[in-house]
Amino acid sequence: INRQATLAEVLSSRYPWCEAHHDDLKRLFAAYTERKLDRA
């Protein structure tokens, strides 16, 4: 969010051990965003 970078860019530069979880993290952040909006 704060770097306005893609998830792939952040994982590659700062969390390389998490790169295998790219797709699941994307799903997680989508669910997190939806839950926040639903809960105001």
Full PDB file with SEQRES, HELIX, SHEET, SSBOND, CRYST1, ORIGX, SCALE, CONECT and MASTER records, all heavy atoms in Angstrom:
SEQRES   1 A   40  ILE ASN ARG GLN ALA THR LEU ALA GLU VAL LEU SER SER          
SEQRES   2 A   40  ARG TYR PRO TRP CYS GLU ALA HIS HIS ASP ASP LEU LYS          
SEQRES   3 A   40  ARG LEU PHE ALA ALA TYR THR GLU ARG LYS LEU ASP ARG          
SEQRES   4 A   40  ALA                                                          
HELIX    1 AA1 LEU A    7  ARG A   14  1                                   8    
HELIX    2 AA2 PRO A   16  HIS A   21  5                                   6    
HELIX    3 AA3 HIS A   22  ASP A   38  1                                  17    
CRYST1    1.000    1.000    1.000  90.00  90.00  90.00 P 1           1          
ORIGX1      1.000000  0.000000  0.000000        0.00000                         
ORIGX2      0.000000  1.000000  0.000000        0.00000                         
ORIGX3      0.000000  0.000000  1.000000        0.00000                         
SCALE1      1.000000  0.000000  0.000000        0.00000                         
SCALE2      0.000000  1.000000  0.000000        0.00000                         
SCALE3      0.000000  0.000000  1.000000        0.00000                         
ATOM      1  N   ILE A   1       0.833  -1.207   0.000  1.00  0.00           N  
ATOM      2  CA  ILE A   1       0.000   0.000   0.000  1.00  0.00           C  
ATOM      3  C   ILE A   1       0.863   1.251   0.000  1.00  0.00           C  
ATOM      4  O   ILE A   1       0.684   2.158  -0.828  1.00  0.00           O  
ATOM      5  CB  ILE A   1      -0.938   0.007   1.218  1.00  0.00           C  
ATOM      6  CG1 ILE A   1      -1.928  -1.169   1.154  1.00  0.00           C  
ATOM      7  CG2 ILE A   1      -1.683   1.331   1.319  1.00  0.00           C  
ATOM      8  CD1 ILE A   1      -2.814  -1.171  -0.071  1.00  0.00           C  
ATOM      9  N   ASN A   2       1.816   1.347   0.917  1.00  0.00           N  
ATOM     10  CA  ASN A   2       2.555   2.590   1.100  1.00  0.00           C  
ATOM     11  C   ASN A   2       3.604   2.831   0.022  1.00  0.00           C  
ATOM     12  O   ASN A   2       3.952   3.985  -0.261  1.00  0.00           O  
ATOM     13  CB  ASN A   2       3.196   2.617   2.481  1.00  0.00           C  
ATOM     14  CG  ASN A   2       2.169   2.832   3.579  1.00  0.00           C  
ATOM     15  OD1 ASN A   2       1.538   3.878   3.658  1.00  0.00           O  
ATOM     16  ND2 ASN A   2       1.987   1.828   4.427  1.00  0.00           N  
ATOM     17  N   ARG A   3       4.122   1.770  -0.561  1.00  0.00           N  
ATOM     18  CA  ARG A   3       5.074   1.944  -1.662  1.00  0.00           C  
ATOM     19  C   ARG A   3       4.374   2.027  -3.009  1.00  0.00           C  
ATOM     20  O   ARG A   3       5.009   2.336  -4.014  1.00  0.00           O  
ATOM     21  CB  ARG A   3       6.084   0.789  -1.677  1.00  0.00           C  
ATOM     22  CG  ARG A   3       7.000   0.769  -0.475  1.00  0.00           C  
ATOM     23  CD  ARG A   3       8.065  -0.319  -0.571  1.00  0.00           C  
ATOM     24  NE  ARG A   3       8.837  -0.384   0.664  1.00  0.00           N  
ATOM     25  CZ  ARG A   3       9.850   0.438   0.957  1.00  0.00           C  
ATOM     26  NH1 ARG A   3      10.208   1.351   0.068  1.00  0.00           N  
ATOM     27  NH2 ARG A   3      10.482   0.342   2.112  1.00  0.00           N  
ATOM     28  N   GLN A   4       3.061   1.712  -3.013  1.00  0.00           N  
ATOM     29  CA  GLN A   4       2.319   1.656  -4.271  1.00  0.00           C  
ATOM     30  C   GLN A   4       3.042   0.771  -5.272  1.00  0.00           C  
ATOM     31  O   GLN A   4       3.191   1.103  -6.451  1.00  0.00           O  
ATOM     32  CB  GLN A   4       2.091   3.061  -4.823  1.00  0.00           C  
ATOM     33  CG  GLN A   4       1.080   3.879  -4.022  1.00  0.00           C  
ATOM     34  CD  GLN A   4      -0.325   3.312  -4.116  1.00  0.00           C  
ATOM     35  OE1 GLN A   4      -1.061   3.567  -5.056  1.00  0.00           O  
ATOM     36  NE2 GLN A   4      -0.704   2.503  -3.118  1.00  0.00           N  
ATOM     37  N   ALA A   5       3.504  -0.369  -4.761  1.00  0.00           N  
ATOM     38  CA  ALA A   5       4.196  -1.360  -5.580  1.00  0.00           C  
ATOM     39  C   ALA A   5       3.295  -2.573  -5.739  1.00  0.00           C  
ATOM     40  O   ALA A   5       2.282  -2.725  -5.040  1.00  0.00           O  
ATOM     41  CB  ALA A   5       5.514  -1.768  -4.919  1.00  0.00           C  
ATOM     42  N   THR A   6       3.628  -3.441  -6.679  1.00  0.00           N  
ATOM     43  CA  THR A   6       2.854  -4.668  -6.824  1.00  0.00           C  
ATOM     44  C   THR A   6       3.252  -5.652  -5.732  1.00  0.00           C  
ATOM     45  O   THR A   6       4.339  -5.548  -5.143  1.00  0.00           O  
ATOM     46  CB  THR A   6       3.108  -5.317  -8.195  1.00  0.00           C  
ATOM     47  OG1 THR A   6       4.484  -5.754  -8.251  1.00  0.00           O  
ATOM     48  CG2 THR A   6       2.838  -4.341  -9.326  1.00  0.00           C  
ATOM     49  N   LEU A   7       2.377  -6.587  -5.463  1.00  0.00           N  
ATOM     50  CA  LEU A   7       2.672  -7.619  -4.468  1.00  0.00           C  
ATOM     51  C   LEU A   7       3.926  -8.389  -4.877  1.00  0.00           C  
ATOM     52  O   LEU A   7       4.782  -8.688  -4.033  1.00  0.00           O  
ATOM     53  CB  LEU A   7       1.475  -8.563  -4.328  1.00  0.00           C  
ATOM     54  CG  LEU A   7       1.649  -9.759  -3.390  1.00  0.00           C  
ATOM     55  CD1 LEU A   7       1.997  -9.308  -1.977  1.00  0.00           C  
ATOM     56  CD2 LEU A   7       0.372 -10.613  -3.378  1.00  0.00           C  
ATOM     57  N   ALA A   8       4.060  -8.685  -6.163  1.00  0.00           N  
ATOM     58  CA  ALA A   8       5.225  -9.439  -6.638  1.00  0.00           C  
ATOM     59  C   ALA A   8       6.514  -8.661  -6.373  1.00  0.00           C  
ATOM     60  O   ALA A   8       7.528  -9.242  -5.967  1.00  0.00           O  
ATOM     61  CB  ALA A   8       5.083  -9.737  -8.130  1.00  0.00           C  
ATOM     62  N   GLU A   9       6.494  -7.346  -6.582  1.00  0.00           N  
ATOM     63  CA  GLU A   9       7.684  -6.526  -6.356  1.00  0.00           C  
ATOM     64  C   GLU A   9       8.083  -6.501  -4.890  1.00  0.00           C  
ATOM     65  O   GLU A   9       9.266  -6.606  -4.547  1.00  0.00           O  
ATOM     66  CB  GLU A   9       7.422  -5.092  -6.847  1.00  0.00           C  
ATOM     67  CG  GLU A   9       7.358  -4.964  -8.362  1.00  0.00           C  
ATOM     68  CD  GLU A   9       6.854  -3.612  -8.814  1.00  0.00           C  
ATOM     69  OE1 GLU A   9       6.219  -2.896  -7.988  1.00  0.00           O  
ATOM     70  OE2 GLU A   9       7.064  -3.261  -9.986  1.00  0.00           O  
ATOM     71  N   VAL A  10       7.097  -6.384  -4.002  1.00  0.00           N  
ATOM     72  CA  VAL A  10       7.385  -6.345  -2.569  1.00  0.00           C  
ATOM     73  C   VAL A  10       7.924  -7.688  -2.094  1.00  0.00           C  
ATOM     74  O   VAL A  10       8.894  -7.753  -1.321  1.00  0.00           O  
ATOM     75  CB  VAL A  10       6.125  -5.946  -1.772  1.00  0.00           C  
ATOM     76  CG1 VAL A  10       6.333  -6.178  -0.279  1.00  0.00           C  
ATOM     77  CG2 VAL A  10       5.774  -4.491  -2.032  1.00  0.00           C  
ATOM     78  N   LEU A  11       7.324  -8.769  -2.558  1.00  0.00           N  
ATOM     79  CA  LEU A  11       7.791 -10.091  -2.148  1.00  0.00           C  
ATOM     80  C   LEU A  11       9.213 -10.333  -2.639  1.00  0.00           C  
ATOM     81  O   LEU A  11      10.056 -10.857  -1.900  1.00  0.00           O  
ATOM     82  CB  LEU A  11       6.856 -11.173  -2.689  1.00  0.00           C  
ATOM     83  CG  LEU A  11       5.440 -11.203  -2.106  1.00  0.00           C  
ATOM     84  CD1 LEU A  11       4.624 -12.305  -2.762  1.00  0.00           C  
ATOM     85  CD2 LEU A  11       5.473 -11.408  -0.593  1.00  0.00           C  
ATOM     86  N   SER A  12       9.488  -9.950  -3.869  1.00  0.00           N  
ATOM     87  CA  SER A  12      10.816 -10.195  -4.437  1.00  0.00           C  
ATOM     88  C   SER A  12      11.900  -9.409  -3.706  1.00  0.00           C  
ATOM     89  O   SER A  12      12.977  -9.936  -3.429  1.00  0.00           O  
ATOM     90  CB  SER A  12      10.813  -9.817  -5.916  1.00  0.00           C  
ATOM     91  OG  SER A  12      12.106  -9.912  -6.456  1.00  0.00           O  
ATOM     92  N   SER A  13      11.608  -8.147  -3.350  1.00  0.00           N  
ATOM     93  CA  SER A  13      12.640  -7.286  -2.773  1.00  0.00           C  
ATOM     94  C   SER A  13      12.760  -7.400  -1.261  1.00  0.00           C  
ATOM     95  O   SER A  13      13.833  -7.201  -0.710  1.00  0.00           O  
ATOM     96  CB  SER A  13      12.367  -5.828  -3.150  1.00  0.00           C  
ATOM     97  OG  SER A  13      11.120  -5.403  -2.613  1.00  0.00           O  
ATOM     98  N   ARG A  14      11.648  -7.726  -0.571  1.00  0.00           N  
ATOM     99  CA  ARG A  14      11.666  -7.666   0.888  1.00  0.00           C  
ATOM    100  C   ARG A  14      11.255  -8.962   1.584  1.00  0.00           C  
ATOM    101  O   ARG A  14      11.612  -9.190   2.729  1.00  0.00           O  
ATOM    102  CB  ARG A  14      10.756  -6.530   1.369  1.00  0.00           C  
ATOM    103  CG  ARG A  14      11.294  -5.174   0.948  1.00  0.00           C  
ATOM    104  CD  ARG A  14      10.454  -4.013   1.408  1.00  0.00           C  
ATOM    105  NE  ARG A  14      11.144  -2.770   1.090  1.00  0.00           N  
ATOM    106  CZ  ARG A  14      11.987  -2.154   1.898  1.00  0.00           C  
ATOM    107  NH1 ARG A  14      12.221  -2.660   3.100  1.00  0.00           N  
ATOM    108  NH2 ARG A  14      12.596  -1.050   1.536  1.00  0.00           N  
ATOM    109  N   TYR A  15      10.496  -9.800   0.923  1.00  0.00           N  
ATOM    110  CA  TYR A  15      10.040 -11.050   1.551  1.00  0.00           C  
ATOM    111  C   TYR A  15      10.218 -12.211   0.570  1.00  0.00           C  
ATOM    112  O   TYR A  15       9.251 -12.895   0.218  1.00  0.00           O  
ATOM    113  CB  TYR A  15       8.555 -10.945   1.945  1.00  0.00           C  
ATOM    114  CG  TYR A  15       8.237  -9.864   2.944  1.00  0.00           C  
ATOM    115  CD1 TYR A  15       7.954  -8.560   2.540  1.00  0.00           C  
ATOM    116  CD2 TYR A  15       8.202 -10.139   4.317  1.00  0.00           C  
ATOM    117  CE1 TYR A  15       7.656  -7.564   3.454  1.00  0.00           C  
ATOM    118  CE2 TYR A  15       7.902  -9.148   5.244  1.00  0.00           C  
ATOM    119  CZ  TYR A  15       7.631  -7.869   4.800  1.00  0.00           C  
ATOM    120  OH  TYR A  15       7.324  -6.888   5.717  1.00  0.00           O  
ATOM    121  N   PRO A  16      11.447 -12.457   0.113  1.00  0.00           N  
ATOM    122  CA  PRO A  16      11.640 -13.489  -0.919  1.00  0.00           C  
ATOM    123  C   PRO A  16      11.181 -14.877  -0.483  1.00  0.00           C  
ATOM    124  O   PRO A  16      10.756 -15.680  -1.323  1.00  0.00           O  
ATOM    125  CB  PRO A  16      13.153 -13.437  -1.182  1.00  0.00           C  
ATOM    126  CG  PRO A  16      13.748 -12.752   0.011  1.00  0.00           C  
ATOM    127  CD  PRO A  16      12.710 -11.793   0.480  1.00  0.00           C  
ATOM    128  N   TRP A  17      11.223 -15.160   0.831  1.00  0.00           N  
ATOM    129  CA  TRP A  17      10.807 -16.486   1.289  1.00  0.00           C  
ATOM    130  C   TRP A  17       9.301 -16.690   1.178  1.00  0.00           C  
ATOM    131  O   TRP A  17       8.803 -17.815   1.279  1.00  0.00           O  
ATOM    132  CB  TRP A  17      11.259 -16.717   2.731  1.00  0.00           C  
ATOM    133  CG  TRP A  17      10.567 -15.869   3.755  1.00  0.00           C  
ATOM    134  CD1 TRP A  17      10.943 -14.634   4.177  1.00  0.00           C  
ATOM    135  CD2 TRP A  17       9.398 -16.210   4.512  1.00  0.00           C  
ATOM    136  NE1 TRP A  17      10.081 -14.166   5.134  1.00  0.00           N  
ATOM    137  CE2 TRP A  17       9.122 -15.109   5.362  1.00  0.00           C  
ATOM    138  CE3 TRP A  17       8.560 -17.313   4.552  1.00  0.00           C  
ATOM    139  CZ2 TRP A  17       8.044 -15.096   6.242  1.00  0.00           C  
ATOM    140  CZ3 TRP A  17       7.484 -17.303   5.421  1.00  0.00           C  
ATOM    141  CH2 TRP A  17       7.230 -16.206   6.263  1.00  0.00           C  
ATOM    142  N   CYS A  18       8.562 -15.589   0.910  1.00  0.00           N  
ATOM    143  CA  CYS A  18       7.105 -15.680   0.785  1.00  0.00           C  
ATOM    144  C   CYS A  18       6.628 -15.702  -0.670  1.00  0.00           C  
ATOM    145  O   CYS A  18       5.412 -15.729  -0.922  1.00  0.00           O  
ATOM    146  CB  CYS A  18       6.435 -14.502   1.496  1.00  0.00           C  
ATOM    147  SG  CYS A  18       6.714 -14.438   3.274  1.00  0.00           S  
ATOM    148  N   GLU A  19       7.559 -15.688  -1.622  1.00  0.00           N  
ATOM    149  CA  GLU A  19       7.160 -15.583  -3.031  1.00  0.00           C  
ATOM    150  C   GLU A  19       6.266 -16.739  -3.476  1.00  0.00           C  
ATOM    151  O   GLU A  19       5.380 -16.558  -4.314  1.00  0.00           O  
ATOM    152  CB  GLU A  19       8.401 -15.502  -3.919  1.00  0.00           C  
ATOM    153  CG  GLU A  19       9.098 -14.157  -3.868  1.00  0.00           C  
ATOM    154  CD  GLU A  19      10.223 -14.033  -4.881  1.00  0.00           C  
ATOM    155  OE1 GLU A  19      11.325 -14.543  -4.606  1.00  0.00           O  
ATOM    156  OE2 GLU A  19       9.988 -13.433  -5.950  1.00  0.00           O  
ATOM    157  N   ALA A  20       6.469 -17.907  -2.906  1.00  0.00           N  
ATOM    158  CA  ALA A  20       5.646 -19.061  -3.295  1.00  0.00           C  
ATOM    159  C   ALA A  20       4.185 -18.883  -2.901  1.00  0.00           C  
ATOM    160  O   ALA A  20       3.306 -19.583  -3.417  1.00  0.00           O  
ATOM    161  CB  ALA A  20       6.206 -20.332  -2.644  1.00  0.00           C  
ATOM    162  N   HIS A  21       3.914 -17.932  -2.003  1.00  0.00           N  
ATOM    163  CA  HIS A  21       2.545 -17.718  -1.514  1.00  0.00           C  
ATOM    164  C   HIS A  21       1.863 -16.539  -2.200  1.00  0.00           C  
ATOM    165  O   HIS A  21       0.837 -16.052  -1.724  1.00  0.00           O  
ATOM    166  CB  HIS A  21       2.567 -17.466  -0.003  1.00  0.00           C  
ATOM    167  CG  HIS A  21       3.170 -18.580   0.798  1.00  0.00           C  
ATOM    168  ND1 HIS A  21       2.561 -19.810   0.945  1.00  0.00           N  
ATOM    169  CD2 HIS A  21       4.340 -18.656   1.481  1.00  0.00           C  
ATOM    170  CE1 HIS A  21       3.318 -20.590   1.703  1.00  0.00           C  
ATOM    171  NE2 HIS A  21       4.403 -19.915   2.033  1.00  0.00           N  
ATOM    172  N   HIS A  22       2.418 -16.072  -3.317  1.00  0.00           N  
ATOM    173  CA  HIS A  22       1.903 -14.864  -3.970  1.00  0.00           C  
ATOM    174  C   HIS A  22       0.394 -14.916  -4.179  1.00  0.00           C  
ATOM    175  O   HIS A  22      -0.360 -14.008  -3.785  1.00  0.00           O  
ATOM    176  CB  HIS A  22       2.619 -14.647  -5.307  1.00  0.00           C  
ATOM    177  CG  HIS A  22       2.089 -13.492  -6.103  1.00  0.00           C  
ATOM    178  ND1 HIS A  22       0.962 -13.581  -6.892  1.00  0.00           N  
ATOM    179  CD2 HIS A  22       2.523 -12.208  -6.216  1.00  0.00           C  
ATOM    180  CE1 HIS A  22       0.712 -12.411  -7.456  1.00  0.00           C  
ATOM    181  NE2 HIS A  22       1.654 -11.554  -7.067  1.00  0.00           N  
ATOM    182  N   ASP A  23      -0.101 -15.975  -4.805  1.00  0.00           N  
ATOM    183  CA  ASP A  23      -1.526 -16.045  -5.147  1.00  0.00           C  
ATOM    184  C   ASP A  23      -2.398 -16.120  -3.896  1.00  0.00           C  
ATOM    185  O   ASP A  23      -3.469 -15.489  -3.829  1.00  0.00           O  
ATOM    186  CB  ASP A  23      -1.793 -17.242  -6.055  1.00  0.00           C  
ATOM    187  CG  ASP A  23      -1.142 -17.069  -7.433  1.00  0.00           C  
ATOM    188  OD1 ASP A  23      -0.734 -15.931  -7.757  1.00  0.00           O  
ATOM    189  OD2 ASP A  23      -1.044 -18.068  -8.162  1.00  0.00           O  
ATOM    190  N   ASP A  24      -1.957 -16.905  -2.901  1.00  0.00           N  
ATOM    191  CA  ASP A  24      -2.740 -17.012  -1.672  1.00  0.00           C  
ATOM    192  C   ASP A  24      -2.740 -15.693  -0.897  1.00  0.00           C  
ATOM    193  O   ASP A  24      -3.749 -15.313  -0.287  1.00  0.00           O  
ATOM    194  CB  ASP A  24      -2.187 -18.132  -0.780  1.00  0.00           C  
ATOM    195  CG  ASP A  24      -2.580 -19.514  -1.280  1.00  0.00           C  
ATOM    196  OD1 ASP A  24      -3.592 -19.604  -2.004  1.00  0.00           O  
ATOM    197  OD2 ASP A  24      -1.882 -20.488  -0.949  1.00  0.00           O  
ATOM    198  N   LEU A  25      -1.621 -14.981  -0.908  1.00  0.00           N  
ATOM    199  CA  LEU A  25      -1.577 -13.674  -0.240  1.00  0.00           C  
ATOM    200  C   LEU A  25      -2.514 -12.687  -0.928  1.00  0.00           C  
ATOM    201  O   LEU A  25      -3.183 -11.879  -0.266  1.00  0.00           O  
ATOM    202  CB  LEU A  25      -0.144 -13.130  -0.240  1.00  0.00           C  
ATOM    203  CG  LEU A  25       0.801 -13.765   0.788  1.00  0.00           C  
ATOM    204  CD1 LEU A  25       2.249 -13.384   0.485  1.00  0.00           C  
ATOM    205  CD2 LEU A  25       0.434 -13.333   2.206  1.00  0.00           C  
ATOM    206  N   LYS A  26      -2.578 -12.764  -2.238  1.00  0.00           N  
ATOM    207  CA  LYS A  26      -3.489 -11.886  -2.973  1.00  0.00           C  
ATOM    208  C   LYS A  26      -4.936 -12.169  -2.581  1.00  0.00           C  
ATOM    209  O   LYS A  26      -5.739 -11.250  -2.373  1.00  0.00           O  
ATOM    210  CB  LYS A  26      -3.286 -12.070  -4.472  1.00  0.00           C  
ATOM    211  CG  LYS A  26      -3.851 -10.946  -5.323  1.00  0.00           C  
ATOM    212  CD  LYS A  26      -3.341 -11.043  -6.753  1.00  0.00           C  
ATOM    213  CE  LYS A  26      -3.807  -9.827  -7.557  1.00  0.00           C  
ATOM    214  NZ  LYS A  26      -3.274  -9.875  -8.941  1.00  0.00           N  
ATOM    215  N   ARG A  27      -5.274 -13.451  -2.453  1.00  0.00           N  
ATOM    216  CA  ARG A  27      -6.621 -13.833  -2.000  1.00  0.00           C  
ATOM    217  C   ARG A  27      -6.866 -13.338  -0.580  1.00  0.00           C  
ATOM    218  O   ARG A  27      -7.954 -12.846  -0.250  1.00  0.00           O  
ATOM    219  CB  ARG A  27      -6.775 -15.349  -2.037  1.00  0.00           C  
ATOM    220  CG  ARG A  27      -6.883 -15.952  -3.432  1.00  0.00           C  
ATOM    221  CD  ARG A  27      -6.873 -17.472  -3.364  1.00  0.00           C  
ATOM    222  NE  ARG A  27      -7.890 -17.969  -2.449  1.00  0.00           N  
ATOM    223  CZ  ARG A  27      -7.704 -18.970  -1.578  1.00  0.00           C  
ATOM    224  NH1 ARG A  27      -6.515 -19.558  -1.497  1.00  0.00           N  
ATOM    225  NH2 ARG A  27      -8.684 -19.370  -0.807  1.00  0.00           N  
ATOM    226  N   LEU A  28      -5.853 -13.476   0.262  1.00  0.00           N  
ATOM    227  CA  LEU A  28      -5.985 -13.049   1.653  1.00  0.00           C  
ATOM    228  C   LEU A  28      -6.243 -11.549   1.745  1.00  0.00           C  
ATOM    229  O   LEU A  28      -7.140 -11.103   2.478  1.00  0.00           O  
ATOM    230  CB  LEU A  28      -4.705 -13.407   2.419  1.00  0.00           C  
ATOM    231  CG  LEU A  28      -4.605 -12.878   3.854  1.00  0.00           C  
ATOM    232  CD1 LEU A  28      -5.705 -13.460   4.734  1.00  0.00           C  
ATOM    233  CD2 LEU A  28      -3.232 -13.194   4.446  1.00  0.00           C  
ATOM    234  N   PHE A  29      -5.485 -10.757   1.007  1.00  0.00           N  
ATOM    235  CA  PHE A  29      -5.638  -9.309   1.086  1.00  0.00           C  
ATOM    236  C   PHE A  29      -6.973  -8.857   0.490  1.00  0.00           C  
ATOM    237  O   PHE A  29      -7.555  -7.867   0.938  1.00  0.00           O  
ATOM    238  CB  PHE A  29      -4.467  -8.610   0.393  1.00  0.00           C  
ATOM    239  CG  PHE A  29      -3.132  -8.879   1.041  1.00  0.00           C  
ATOM    240  CD1 PHE A  29      -1.958  -8.892   0.301  1.00  0.00           C  
ATOM    241  CD2 PHE A  29      -3.053  -9.131   2.409  1.00  0.00           C  
ATOM    242  CE1 PHE A  29      -0.737  -9.135   0.903  1.00  0.00           C  
ATOM    243  CE2 PHE A  29      -1.828  -9.382   3.022  1.00  0.00           C  
ATOM    244  CZ  PHE A  29      -0.677  -9.391   2.266  1.00  0.00           C  
ATOM    245  N   ALA A  30      -7.468  -9.590  -0.520  1.00  0.00           N  
ATOM    246  CA  ALA A  30      -8.793  -9.278  -1.070  1.00  0.00           C  
ATOM    247  C   ALA A  30      -9.871  -9.546  -0.022  1.00  0.00           C  
ATOM    248  O   ALA A  30     -10.800  -8.739   0.163  1.00  0.00           O  
ATOM    249  CB  ALA A  30      -9.046 -10.111  -2.326  1.00  0.00           C  
ATOM    250  N   ALA A  31      -9.744 -10.675   0.690  1.00  0.00           N  
ATOM    251  CA  ALA A  31     -10.715 -11.007   1.731  1.00  0.00           C  
ATOM    252  C   ALA A  31     -10.636 -10.018   2.891  1.00  0.00           C  
ATOM    253  O   ALA A  31     -11.663  -9.613   3.467  1.00  0.00           O  
ATOM    254  CB  ALA A  31     -10.467 -12.429   2.236  1.00  0.00           C  
ATOM    255  N   TYR A  32      -9.428  -9.624   3.237  1.00  0.00           N  
ATOM    256  CA  TYR A  32      -9.199  -8.653   4.316  1.00  0.00           C  
ATOM    257  C   TYR A  32      -9.843  -7.310   3.970  1.00  0.00           C  
ATOM    258  O   TYR A  32     -10.536  -6.700   4.807  1.00  0.00           O  
ATOM    259  CB  TYR A  32      -7.692  -8.502   4.505  1.00  0.00           C  
ATOM    260  CG  TYR A  32      -7.237  -7.445   5.480  1.00  0.00           C  
ATOM    261  CD1 TYR A  32      -7.625  -7.456   6.817  1.00  0.00           C  
ATOM    262  CD2 TYR A  32      -6.374  -6.421   5.054  1.00  0.00           C  
ATOM    263  CE1 TYR A  32      -7.166  -6.489   7.705  1.00  0.00           C  
ATOM    264  CE2 TYR A  32      -5.915  -5.459   5.932  1.00  0.00           C  
ATOM    265  CZ  TYR A  32      -6.317  -5.497   7.263  1.00  0.00           C  
ATOM    266  OH  TYR A  32      -5.870  -4.537   8.132  1.00  0.00           O  
ATOM    267  N   THR A  33      -9.653  -6.862   2.725  1.00  0.00           N  
ATOM    268  CA  THR A  33     -10.252  -5.599   2.282  1.00  0.00           C  
ATOM    269  C   THR A  33     -11.769  -5.670   2.335  1.00  0.00           C  
ATOM    270  O   THR A  33     -12.438  -4.742   2.811  1.00  0.00           O  
ATOM    271  CB  THR A  33      -9.790  -5.267   0.850  1.00  0.00           C  
ATOM    272  OG1 THR A  33      -8.363  -5.138   0.835  1.00  0.00           O  
ATOM    273  CG2 THR A  33     -10.433  -3.987   0.345  1.00  0.00           C  
ATOM    274  N   GLU A  34     -12.315  -6.790   1.869  1.00  0.00           N  
ATOM    275  CA  GLU A  34     -13.768  -6.957   1.865  1.00  0.00           C  
ATOM    276  C   GLU A  34     -14.329  -6.972   3.281  1.00  0.00           C  
ATOM    277  O   GLU A  34     -15.367  -6.362   3.571  1.00  0.00           O  
ATOM    278  CB  GLU A  34     -14.127  -8.262   1.143  1.00  0.00           C  
ATOM    279  CG  GLU A  34     -15.576  -8.354   0.705  1.00  0.00           C  
ATOM    280  CD  GLU A  34     -15.952  -7.269  -0.301  1.00  0.00           C  
ATOM    281  OE1 GLU A  34     -15.166  -7.017  -1.229  1.00  0.00           O  
ATOM    282  OE2 GLU A  34     -17.034  -6.665  -0.129  1.00  0.00           O  
ATOM    283  N   ARG A  35     -13.621  -7.630   4.181  1.00  0.00           N  
ATOM    284  CA  ARG A  35     -14.098  -7.735   5.559  1.00  0.00           C  
ATOM    285  C   ARG A  35     -14.059  -6.367   6.246  1.00  0.00           C  
ATOM    286  O   ARG A  35     -14.952  -6.030   7.020  1.00  0.00           O  
ATOM    287  CB  ARG A  35     -13.257  -8.744   6.332  1.00  0.00           C  
ATOM    288  CG  ARG A  35     -14.003  -9.383   7.508  1.00  0.00           C  
ATOM    289  CD  ARG A  35     -13.205 -10.532   8.093  1.00  0.00           C  
ATOM    290  NE  ARG A  35     -14.008 -11.285   9.041  1.00  0.00           N  
ATOM    291  CZ  ARG A  35     -14.522 -12.473   8.810  1.00  0.00           C  
ATOM    292  NH1 ARG A  35     -14.332 -13.047   7.628  1.00  0.00           N  
ATOM    293  NH2 ARG A  35     -15.226 -13.098   9.731  1.00  0.00           N  
ATOM    294  N   LYS A  36     -13.020  -5.595   5.969  1.00  0.00           N  
ATOM    295  CA  LYS A  36     -12.945  -4.248   6.553  1.00  0.00           C  
ATOM    296  C   LYS A  36     -14.099  -3.382   6.069  1.00  0.00           C  
ATOM    297  O   LYS A  36     -14.732  -2.673   6.864  1.00  0.00           O  
ATOM    298  CB  LYS A  36     -11.611  -3.590   6.186  1.00  0.00           C  
ATOM    299  CG  LYS A  36     -10.418  -4.103   6.958  1.00  0.00           C  
ATOM    300  CD  LYS A  36      -9.163  -3.304   6.623  1.00  0.00           C  
ATOM    301  CE  LYS A  36      -8.743  -3.507   5.178  1.00  0.00           C  
ATOM    302  NZ  LYS A  36      -7.515  -2.758   4.840  1.00  0.00           N  
ATOM    303  N   LEU A  37     -14.363  -3.416   4.769  1.00  0.00           N  
ATOM    304  CA  LEU A  37     -15.453  -2.605   4.229  1.00  0.00           C  
ATOM    305  C   LEU A  37     -16.789  -3.035   4.802  1.00  0.00           C  
ATOM    306  O   LEU A  37     -17.649  -2.203   5.122  1.00  0.00           O  
ATOM    307  CB  LEU A  37     -15.465  -2.707   2.701  1.00  0.00           C  
ATOM    308  CG  LEU A  37     -14.281  -2.043   1.983  1.00  0.00           C  
ATOM    309  CD1 LEU A  37     -14.277  -2.404   0.508  1.00  0.00           C  
ATOM    310  CD2 LEU A  37     -14.328  -0.531   2.163  1.00  0.00           C  
ATOM    311  N   ASP A  38     -16.972  -4.336   4.952  1.00  0.00           N  
ATOM    312  CA  ASP A  38     -18.223  -4.865   5.497  1.00  0.00           C  
ATOM    313  C   ASP A  38     -18.406  -4.466   6.953  1.00  0.00           C  
ATOM    314  O   ASP A  38     -19.531  -4.268   7.419  1.00  0.00           O  
ATOM    315  CB  ASP A  38     -18.230  -6.391   5.360  1.00  0.00           C  
ATOM    316  CG  ASP A  38     -19.571  -6.988   5.731  1.00  0.00           C  
ATOM    317  OD1 ASP A  38     -20.593  -6.486   5.215  1.00  0.00           O  
ATOM    318  OD2 ASP A  38     -19.598  -7.937   6.544  1.00  0.00           O  
ATOM    319  N   ARG A  39     -17.281  -4.344   7.702  1.00  0.00           N  
ATOM    320  CA  ARG A  39     -17.332  -3.992   9.126  1.00  0.00           C  
ATOM    321  C   ARG A  39     -17.157  -2.490   9.365  1.00  0.00           C  
ATOM    322  O   ARG A  39     -17.059  -2.057  10.505  1.00  0.00           O  
ATOM    323  CB  ARG A  39     -16.238  -4.728   9.900  1.00  0.00           C  
ATOM    324  CG  ARG A  39     -16.646  -6.069  10.492  1.00  0.00           C  
ATOM    325  CD  ARG A  39     -16.993  -7.083   9.465  1.00  0.00           C  
ATOM    326  NE  ARG A  39     -17.283  -8.393  10.046  1.00  0.00           N  
ATOM    327  CZ  ARG A  39     -17.734  -9.413   9.326  1.00  0.00           C  
ATOM    328  NH1 ARG A  39     -17.923  -9.272   8.025  1.00  0.00           N  
ATOM    329  NH2 ARG A  39     -17.994 -10.576   9.901  1.00  0.00           N  
ATOM    330  N   ALA A  40     -17.115  -1.697   8.305  1.00  0.00           N  
ATOM    331  CA  ALA A  40     -16.911  -0.246   8.423  1.00  0.00           C  
ATOM    332  C   ALA A  40     -15.662   0.050   9.246  1.00  0.00           C  
ATOM    333  O   ALA A  40     -15.686   0.827  10.194  1.00  0.00           O  
ATOM    334  CB  ALA A  40     -18.130   0.428   9.045  1.00  0.00           C  
TER     335      ALA A  40                                                      
MASTER        0    0    0    3    0    0    0    6  334    1    0    4          
END                                                                             
